Protein backbone atom coordinates (compact mmCIF):
# COMPACT_ATOMS: atom_id res chain seq x y z
CA UNK A 1 -117.25 -0.45 -7.42
CA UNK A 2 -118.15 1.93 -10.71
CA UNK A 3 -117.64 1.46 -14.21
CA UNK A 4 -117.03 3.24 -17.29
CA UNK A 5 -118.07 2.90 -21.00
CA UNK A 6 -115.58 5.28 -22.69
CA UNK A 7 -115.01 6.45 -26.39
CA UNK A 8 -111.48 7.66 -27.17
CA UNK A 9 -110.71 9.70 -30.10
CA UNK A 10 -107.21 10.43 -32.14
CA UNK A 11 -106.30 11.47 -35.61
CA UNK A 12 -104.12 9.07 -37.56
CA UNK A 13 -102.94 9.88 -41.50
CA UNK A 14 -105.61 13.27 -41.74
CA UNK A 15 -108.20 10.83 -40.55
CA UNK A 16 -109.97 10.23 -36.93
CA UNK A 17 -110.21 6.76 -35.63
CA UNK A 18 -112.00 5.75 -32.50
CA UNK A 19 -112.03 3.03 -29.89
CA UNK A 20 -114.53 1.91 -27.40
CA UNK A 21 -113.87 0.16 -24.31
CA UNK A 22 -115.13 -0.12 -20.52
CA UNK A 23 -113.23 0.07 -17.39
CA UNK A 24 -112.97 0.82 -13.81
CA UNK A 25 -110.26 3.23 -13.63
CA UNK A 26 -110.87 5.52 -16.72
CA UNK A 27 -107.70 7.71 -15.82
CA UNK A 28 -105.08 4.99 -15.76
CA UNK A 29 -107.13 3.03 -19.17
CA UNK A 30 -106.73 6.40 -21.09
CA UNK A 31 -102.56 6.23 -19.88
CA UNK A 32 -102.18 2.57 -20.51
CA UNK A 33 -103.61 3.53 -24.26
CA UNK A 34 -101.57 6.33 -24.75
CA UNK A 35 -98.16 4.34 -23.59
CA UNK A 36 -99.01 1.54 -25.77
CA UNK A 37 -99.94 -0.77 -22.96
CA UNK A 38 -103.67 -0.76 -23.70
CA UNK A 39 -105.35 -2.55 -26.48
CA UNK A 40 -103.52 -3.92 -29.39
CA UNK A 41 -105.48 -1.52 -31.45
CA UNK A 42 -104.84 1.76 -29.89
CA UNK A 43 -100.75 1.47 -29.78
CA UNK A 44 -98.42 4.50 -30.92
CA UNK A 45 -101.32 6.57 -30.93
CA UNK A 46 -102.06 9.54 -28.90
CA UNK A 47 -105.70 9.06 -27.74
CA UNK A 48 -108.54 11.55 -26.22
CA UNK A 49 -111.83 10.79 -23.90
CA UNK A 50 -114.58 11.89 -26.05
CA UNK A 51 -117.41 10.53 -24.19
CA UNK A 52 -117.97 8.53 -20.96
CA UNK A 53 -120.64 7.07 -18.97
CA UNK A 54 -120.75 5.80 -15.51
CA UNK A 55 -122.19 2.46 -14.32
CA UNK A 56 -122.78 0.80 -11.11
CA UNK A 57 -123.15 -2.73 -12.74
CA UNK A 58 -120.33 -4.00 -14.53
CA UNK A 59 -122.87 -6.12 -16.58
CA UNK A 60 -124.48 -3.34 -17.68
CA UNK A 61 -121.45 -1.31 -18.82
CA UNK A 62 -120.31 -4.34 -20.53
CA UNK A 63 -123.60 -4.56 -22.14
CA UNK A 64 -123.41 -0.86 -23.43
CA UNK A 65 -119.86 -1.34 -24.43
CA UNK A 66 -120.91 -3.80 -26.64
CA UNK A 67 -123.84 -1.66 -28.20
CA UNK A 68 -121.70 1.24 -28.70
CA UNK A 69 -118.93 -1.04 -30.48
CA UNK A 70 -121.49 -2.03 -32.62
CA UNK A 71 -123.44 1.33 -33.67
CA UNK A 72 -121.51 2.96 -35.90
CA UNK A 73 -123.92 5.70 -36.47
CA UNK A 74 -123.96 6.13 -32.95
CA UNK A 75 -120.31 6.33 -32.70
CA UNK A 76 -120.46 9.04 -35.76
CA UNK A 77 -122.63 11.32 -34.12
CA UNK A 78 -120.49 11.30 -30.83
CA UNK A 79 -117.62 11.89 -32.96
CA UNK A 80 -119.10 14.62 -35.05
CA UNK A 81 -120.41 16.41 -31.74
CA UNK A 82 -116.71 16.44 -30.13
CA UNK A 83 -115.42 17.70 -33.05
CA UNK A 84 -117.85 20.63 -33.69
CA UNK A 85 -117.78 21.95 -30.24
């Protein structure tokens, strides 16, 4: 089975907000976030995937998800690169 670490982005009150997670079904997970059935933090907003990385081992995906969640400098770099394409 494959797993993905992903970062999604939305604009709320003229401010960009990101969320990081991991899943084994990226399309379904995004659909859950956008229909307010995903994580509590993501409810009521429209999200776009701006980063994804594929893993073959769940524990590796979980470790990298944790690192990305905590590394705000890296998250801001990903946001900056996405917004300035």
